[in-house]
């Protein structure tokens, strides 16, 4: 018996039952049955989605080449972020990438943070000035062309990874 045959069986039962409790139970079972086997999009990090988008047109061949070309004796400093993820235990890279190819994917939203210096300091908020292309501290929340919240990756790449372990810094997760 397949899923659709089972749904039809319970629809028939639902239509022929007059007891409220049994009818409610049939309705709940039908709702559950209709949701069975519905593939869900895979949630992945942005760099996995980027690799997939670059390689999806010849997916199987590119996946094979990717796995084959990652050296077995590797220096992790020479691997890119995707290759490190691919080799990390527990990530199930083949399953994840194939599921992305079959069922679609969603990019995980990275947590964002406000960063402030603790204490009574006028210019205490860390911002990134898009025109200046650099980080600086300010007191204003309404500067044009400034980014007020930052991902952990952005901060680490800019040399601010230390702020997550500094007592003089207040970090607030953006909701």
Protein backbone atom coordinates (compact mmCIF):
# COMPACT_ATOMS: atom_id res chain seq x y z
CA UNK A 1 0.00 0.00 0.00
CA UNK A 2 1.40 3.39 -0.90
CA UNK A 3 0.83 6.75 0.77
CA UNK A 4 -2.01 7.81 -1.52
CA UNK A 5 -3.91 4.55 -1.06
CA UNK A 6 -3.65 4.93 2.71
CA UNK A 7 -4.96 8.51 2.48
CA UNK A 8 -7.92 7.34 0.40
CA UNK A 9 -8.66 4.58 2.93
CA UNK A 10 -8.82 7.05 5.83
CA UNK A 11 -10.81 9.59 3.78
CA UNK A 12 -13.44 6.90 3.19
CA UNK A 13 -13.46 6.02 6.88
CA UNK A 14 -13.71 9.72 7.81
CA UNK A 15 -16.73 10.22 5.52
CA UNK A 16 -18.59 7.16 6.91
CA UNK A 17 -18.04 7.76 10.64
CA UNK A 18 -20.48 9.77 12.73
CA UNK A 19 -18.80 9.49 16.13
CA UNK A 20 -17.13 12.85 16.82
CA UNK A 21 -14.06 11.39 18.55
CA UNK A 22 -13.36 8.87 15.77
CA UNK A 23 -13.98 11.53 13.11
CA UNK A 24 -11.50 13.86 14.82
CA UNK A 25 -8.91 11.07 15.07
CA UNK A 26 -9.34 10.29 11.35
CA UNK A 27 -8.95 13.96 10.48
CA UNK A 28 -5.69 14.19 12.47
CA UNK A 29 -4.36 10.99 10.86
CA UNK A 30 -5.19 12.36 7.39
CA UNK A 31 -3.28 15.57 8.14
CA UNK A 32 -0.25 13.56 9.29
CA UNK A 33 -0.41 11.23 6.29
CA UNK A 34 -0.53 14.12 3.84
CA UNK A 35 2.70 15.49 5.34
CA UNK A 36 4.57 12.20 5.10
CA UNK A 37 7.55 12.03 2.77
CA UNK A 38 7.44 15.70 1.91
CA UNK A 39 11.09 16.53 1.40
CA UNK A 40 12.28 19.56 3.27
CA UNK A 41 14.90 21.96 1.91
CA UNK A 42 18.34 21.46 3.44
CA UNK A 43 19.70 24.26 5.63
CA UNK A 44 23.32 25.05 4.76
CA UNK A 45 25.91 27.73 5.34
CA UNK A 46 26.43 30.35 2.64
CA UNK A 47 29.74 28.91 1.42
CA UNK A 48 28.08 25.50 0.79
CA UNK A 49 25.30 27.22 -1.18
CA UNK A 50 27.94 29.15 -3.14
CA UNK A 51 29.78 25.93 -4.08
CA UNK A 52 26.51 24.28 -5.08
CA UNK A 53 25.41 27.21 -7.26
CA UNK A 54 28.77 27.19 -9.09
CA UNK A 55 28.59 23.41 -9.67
CA UNK A 56 24.91 22.46 -9.99
CA UNK A 57 24.79 22.31 -13.79
CA UNK A 58 27.19 19.35 -13.92
CA UNK A 59 26.57 18.34 -10.34
CA UNK A 60 27.59 14.67 -10.26
CA UNK A 61 30.85 15.21 -12.14
CA UNK A 62 31.79 18.28 -10.13
CA UNK A 63 31.03 16.52 -6.84
CA UNK A 64 33.26 13.62 -7.88
CA UNK A 65 36.06 16.00 -8.94
CA UNK A 66 35.75 17.92 -5.69
CA UNK A 67 36.11 14.79 -3.57
CA UNK A 68 38.89 13.41 -5.76
CA UNK A 69 40.92 16.64 -5.85
CA UNK A 70 41.03 17.25 -2.10
CA UNK A 71 44.40 15.76 -1.21
CA UNK A 72 44.49 12.95 1.31
CA UNK A 73 47.59 14.41 2.98
CA UNK A 74 46.37 17.94 3.30
CA UNK A 75 47.49 21.07 5.06
CA UNK A 76 44.28 22.52 6.50
CA UNK A 77 45.68 26.03 6.09
CA UNK A 78 45.67 25.52 2.30
CA UNK A 79 42.07 24.29 2.17
CA UNK A 80 39.24 26.70 1.50
CA UNK A 81 36.22 26.90 3.80
CA UNK A 82 34.17 24.50 1.67
CA UNK A 83 36.95 21.89 1.55
CA UNK A 84 37.40 22.06 5.34
CA UNK A 85 33.63 21.56 5.74
CA UNK A 86 33.70 18.70 3.25
CA UNK A 87 36.37 16.88 5.28
CA UNK A 88 34.92 17.60 8.74
CA UNK A 89 33.54 14.54 10.51
CA UNK A 90 29.79 14.61 10.95
CA UNK A 91 28.92 17.04 8.16
CA UNK A 92 27.76 14.27 5.78
CA UNK A 93 28.84 16.29 2.73
CA UNK A 94 27.65 13.81 0.08
CA UNK A 95 24.23 13.40 1.66
CA UNK A 96 23.88 17.14 2.23
CA UNK A 97 24.85 18.10 -1.32
CA UNK A 98 22.70 15.41 -2.95
CA UNK A 99 19.72 16.43 -0.79
CA UNK A 100 20.29 20.05 -1.82
CA UNK A 101 20.26 18.96 -5.45
CA UNK A 102 17.05 16.92 -5.05
CA UNK A 103 15.01 18.91 -2.55
CA UNK A 104 16.39 22.43 -2.62
CA UNK A 105 18.11 24.36 0.14
CA UNK A 106 17.92 27.38 2.40
CA UNK A 107 20.89 29.38 3.59
CA UNK A 108 21.24 29.50 7.37
CA UNK A 109 21.06 33.01 8.69
CA UNK A 110 24.24 33.89 10.52
CA UNK A 111 23.87 35.46 13.93
CA UNK A 112 24.58 39.17 13.95
CA UNK A 113 25.91 41.20 16.86
CA UNK A 114 26.04 44.75 18.13
CA UNK A 115 29.44 45.50 19.67
CA UNK A 116 29.85 48.19 22.33
CA UNK A 117 32.65 49.25 24.64
CA UNK A 118 31.47 49.01 28.26
CA UNK A 119 31.49 52.07 30.47
CA UNK A 120 30.58 55.71 30.14
CA UNK A 121 32.20 56.34 26.77
CA UNK A 122 30.66 58.59 24.13
CA UNK A 123 31.79 56.78 21.01
CA UNK A 124 31.30 53.18 22.08
CA UNK A 125 29.54 51.37 19.19
CA UNK A 126 31.57 49.49 16.59
CA UNK A 127 30.35 50.15 13.05
CA UNK A 128 31.63 49.46 9.57
CA UNK A 129 31.69 52.50 7.30
CA UNK A 130 30.91 51.42 3.77
CA UNK A 131 32.34 54.59 2.21
CA UNK A 132 35.48 54.50 4.36
CA UNK A 133 35.70 50.72 4.03
CA UNK A 134 36.86 50.35 7.63
CA UNK A 135 35.61 49.77 11.17
CA UNK A 136 35.38 52.60 13.70
CA UNK A 137 33.60 53.48 16.94
CA UNK A 138 30.78 56.00 17.01
CA UNK A 139 27.98 57.20 19.29
CA UNK A 140 25.37 57.67 16.57
CA UNK A 141 22.85 55.07 15.42
CA UNK A 142 21.81 57.00 12.35
CA UNK A 143 24.90 57.33 10.20
CA UNK A 144 24.31 56.78 6.50
CA UNK A 145 26.36 54.05 4.83
CA UNK A 146 27.30 52.41 8.14
CA UNK A 147 26.68 48.82 9.17
CA UNK A 148 25.85 48.46 12.87
CA UNK A 149 25.55 44.70 13.25
CA UNK A 150 28.22 42.21 12.32
CA UNK A 151 28.58 38.46 11.93
CA UNK A 152 31.23 36.58 13.90
CA UNK A 153 32.98 35.75 10.62
CA UNK A 154 33.09 39.40 9.53
CA UNK A 155 34.56 40.43 12.87
CA UNK A 156 37.15 37.64 12.88
CA UNK A 157 38.24 38.40 9.31
CA UNK A 158 38.66 42.08 10.25
CA UNK A 159 40.87 41.16 13.23
CA UNK A 160 38.17 41.67 15.88
CA UNK A 161 37.82 38.03 16.93
CA UNK A 162 39.22 38.94 20.36
CA UNK A 163 36.10 40.91 21.28
CA UNK A 164 34.21 37.70 22.04
CA UNK A 165 36.59 37.07 24.97
CA UNK A 166 37.06 40.62 26.23
CA UNK A 167 35.47 41.76 29.51
CA UNK A 168 35.49 45.39 28.38
CA UNK A 169 33.27 44.68 25.40
CA UNK A 170 29.53 44.16 25.47
CA UNK A 171 28.16 41.94 22.71
CA UNK A 172 24.44 41.88 22.04
CA UNK A 173 22.90 39.38 19.63
CA UNK A 174 20.62 41.07 17.09
CA UNK A 175 17.16 39.54 16.87
